[in-house]
Amino acid sequence: MANEIDAHIGMRLRQRRWLLGLTQQQLGDRVGIKFQQVQKYETGQNRISASRLWELARAVEVRIAYFFDGLGHEIEGFSESEPSFEGQGDLLADREAAELVRAYYATPEPQRRRLYELVKAMGDIQDVEPIAEKPAQTNGESNAVNHS
């Protein structure tokens, strides 16, 4: 039975590999291991040594901390300094969200940066005061439709 931490790290490895569009064979080739070993890492069946985790992080272009993201709230007595997304579950377990992230990373860097800025700006819109209703007309005109 896989340790929950090993399983979490394996799940993050699988997600990142999938987002990059790599097969287990391709990832294995990048770090010099067989695809069966990648399978065992991804399921948490085999533990990943520190040196192998370093190699895998470089192969999938992330910092080592990436593999531990979201793990803190699962360990008793551990406190994360960053906000967590508790209650939302694994966001990439949702097929649509995972495909959206994959498409984002498949976009060329200049367009991806602009897309990021657009989405970020759209998120800021929620913090803006709603547009006030038009004030009632004060020059004696009515809002009623004139049927003459």
Protein backbone atom coordinates (compact mmCIF):
# COMPACT_ATOMS: atom_id res chain seq x y z
CA MET A 1 0.00 0.00 0.00
CA ALA A 2 1.35 3.40 -0.99
CA ASN A 3 2.21 6.01 1.62
CA GLU A 4 -0.09 9.05 1.24
CA ILE A 5 2.86 11.39 0.69
CA ASP A 6 4.41 9.11 -1.94
CA ALA A 7 1.01 8.82 -3.65
CA HIS A 8 0.58 12.62 -3.61
CA ILE A 9 4.02 13.21 -5.13
CA GLY A 10 3.29 10.55 -7.76
CA MET A 11 -0.05 12.15 -8.58
CA ARG A 12 1.62 15.54 -9.05
CA LEU A 13 4.25 13.93 -11.30
CA ARG A 14 1.52 12.31 -13.42
CA GLN A 15 -0.43 15.58 -13.68
CA ARG A 16 2.61 17.54 -14.77
CA ARG A 17 3.69 14.86 -17.25
CA TRP A 18 0.19 14.87 -18.73
CA LEU A 19 0.08 18.67 -18.94
CA LEU A 20 3.33 18.63 -20.90
CA GLY A 21 1.92 15.97 -23.21
CA LEU A 22 4.63 13.44 -22.33
CA THR A 23 4.20 9.70 -22.24
CA GLN A 24 5.66 7.67 -19.41
CA GLN A 25 8.25 6.40 -21.89
CA GLN A 26 9.28 9.93 -22.87
CA LEU A 27 9.62 11.00 -19.25
CA GLY A 28 11.60 7.87 -18.46
CA ASP A 29 13.93 8.60 -21.37
CA ARG A 30 14.54 12.12 -20.06
CA VAL A 31 15.80 10.80 -16.72
CA GLY A 32 17.24 7.46 -17.82
CA ILE A 33 14.68 5.05 -16.38
CA LYS A 34 12.15 2.58 -17.82
CA PHE A 35 8.52 3.59 -18.22
CA GLN A 36 7.55 0.90 -15.68
CA GLN A 37 9.51 2.81 -13.04
CA VAL A 38 7.65 6.00 -13.94
CA GLN A 39 4.38 4.05 -13.48
CA LYS A 40 5.48 2.94 -10.02
CA TYR A 41 6.45 6.49 -9.07
CA GLU A 42 3.14 7.88 -10.30
CA THR A 43 1.09 5.39 -8.29
CA GLY A 44 3.21 5.87 -5.19
CA GLN A 45 4.16 2.19 -5.29
CA ASN A 46 7.86 3.15 -5.27
CA ARG A 47 9.32 6.05 -3.36
CA ILE A 48 11.27 8.68 -5.23
CA SER A 49 14.72 9.43 -3.84
CA ALA A 50 15.83 13.04 -3.40
CA SER A 51 18.24 12.85 -6.33
CA ARG A 52 15.62 11.25 -8.60
CA LEU A 53 13.04 13.86 -7.54
CA TRP A 54 15.55 16.53 -8.56
CA GLU A 55 15.99 14.89 -11.98
CA LEU A 56 12.24 14.50 -12.45
CA ALA A 57 11.61 18.13 -11.49
CA ARG A 58 14.10 19.26 -14.12
CA ALA A 59 12.58 16.90 -16.70
CA VAL A 60 9.07 18.30 -16.18
CA GLU A 61 10.32 21.87 -15.72
CA VAL A 62 9.12 22.58 -12.17
CA ARG A 63 10.67 23.37 -8.83
CA ILE A 64 10.83 20.47 -6.38
CA ALA A 65 8.28 22.25 -4.16
CA TYR A 66 5.69 21.69 -6.92
CA PHE A 67 5.42 18.03 -5.92
CA PHE A 68 4.49 18.99 -2.36
CA ASP A 69 1.91 21.66 -3.20
CA GLY A 70 -1.42 20.91 -1.54
CA LEU A 71 0.08 18.35 0.81
CA GLY A 72 0.42 20.44 3.98
CA HIS A 73 -3.21 20.36 5.07
CA GLU A 74 -3.17 16.55 4.90
CA ILE A 75 -0.43 16.20 7.51
CA GLU A 76 -1.44 16.66 11.12
CA GLY A 77 0.36 19.53 12.81
CA PHE A 78 1.66 21.00 9.56
CA SER A 79 0.78 24.58 8.74
CA GLU A 80 1.05 26.09 5.30
CA SER A 81 1.86 29.75 4.94
CA GLU A 82 0.19 29.94 1.53
CA PRO A 83 -3.58 29.92 1.12
CA SER A 84 -5.03 26.52 0.44
CA PHE A 85 -7.89 25.55 -1.80
CA GLU A 86 -9.55 23.23 0.72
CA GLY A 87 -13.01 22.16 -0.28
CA GLN A 88 -12.19 22.47 -3.97
CA GLY A 89 -10.52 19.09 -4.22
CA ASP A 90 -7.94 18.36 -6.86
CA LEU A 91 -8.62 20.99 -9.49
CA LEU A 92 -6.83 19.00 -12.19
CA ALA A 93 -8.95 15.94 -11.51
CA ASP A 94 -11.71 17.80 -13.36
CA ARG A 95 -11.18 16.88 -17.03
CA GLU A 96 -12.20 20.30 -18.34
CA ALA A 97 -9.85 22.13 -15.97
CA ALA A 98 -6.99 19.81 -16.85
CA GLU A 99 -7.59 20.30 -20.57
CA LEU A 100 -7.73 24.07 -20.09
CA VAL A 101 -4.37 24.04 -18.32
CA ARG A 102 -2.90 21.77 -20.96
CA ALA A 103 -4.10 24.08 -23.74
CA TYR A 104 -2.66 27.06 -21.85
CA TYR A 105 0.79 25.47 -21.73
CA ALA A 106 0.56 24.48 -25.39
CA THR A 107 0.08 28.13 -26.34
CA PRO A 108 3.25 29.96 -27.46
CA GLU A 109 4.84 32.06 -24.70
CA PRO A 110 3.93 35.58 -25.98
CA GLN A 111 0.25 34.68 -26.43
CA ARG A 112 0.23 32.73 -23.16
CA ARG A 113 1.49 35.78 -21.29
CA ARG A 114 -1.22 37.96 -22.83
CA LEU A 115 -3.87 35.35 -22.05
CA TYR A 116 -2.67 35.24 -18.46
CA GLU A 117 -2.90 39.03 -18.16
CA LEU A 118 -6.40 38.98 -19.69
CA VAL A 119 -7.68 36.37 -17.27
CA LYS A 120 -6.04 38.15 -14.36
CA ALA A 121 -7.73 41.40 -15.40
CA MET A 122 -11.07 39.63 -15.71
CA GLY A 123 -10.68 38.36 -12.15
CA ASP A 124 -10.09 41.91 -10.93
CA ILE A 125 -13.40 42.99 -12.44
CA GLN A 126 -15.21 41.21 -9.61
CA ASP A 127 -13.73 43.69 -7.13
CA VAL A 128 -15.05 46.73 -9.02
CA GLU A 129 -18.23 48.46 -7.88
CA PRO A 130 -21.20 47.57 -10.08
CA ILE A 131 -22.27 50.23 -12.58
CA ALA A 132 -25.03 52.34 -11.09
CA GLU A 133 -28.46 52.37 -12.67
CA LYS A 134 -29.12 55.34 -14.96
CA PRO A 135 -30.73 58.12 -12.93
CA ALA A 136 -34.35 58.89 -13.63
CA GLN A 137 -34.82 61.62 -16.23
CA THR A 138 -35.27 65.00 -14.58
CA ASN A 139 -36.35 67.19 -17.49
CA GLY A 140 -39.97 66.13 -17.24
CA GLU A 141 -39.67 63.43 -19.89
CA SER A 142 -41.28 60.14 -19.19
CA ASN A 143 -39.80 56.71 -19.75
CA ALA A 144 -43.12 55.62 -21.23
CA VAL A 145 -43.23 54.77 -24.90
CA ASN A 146 -44.98 57.38 -27.03
CA HIS A 147 -47.55 55.67 -29.22
CA SER A 148 -48.71 58.74 -31.26
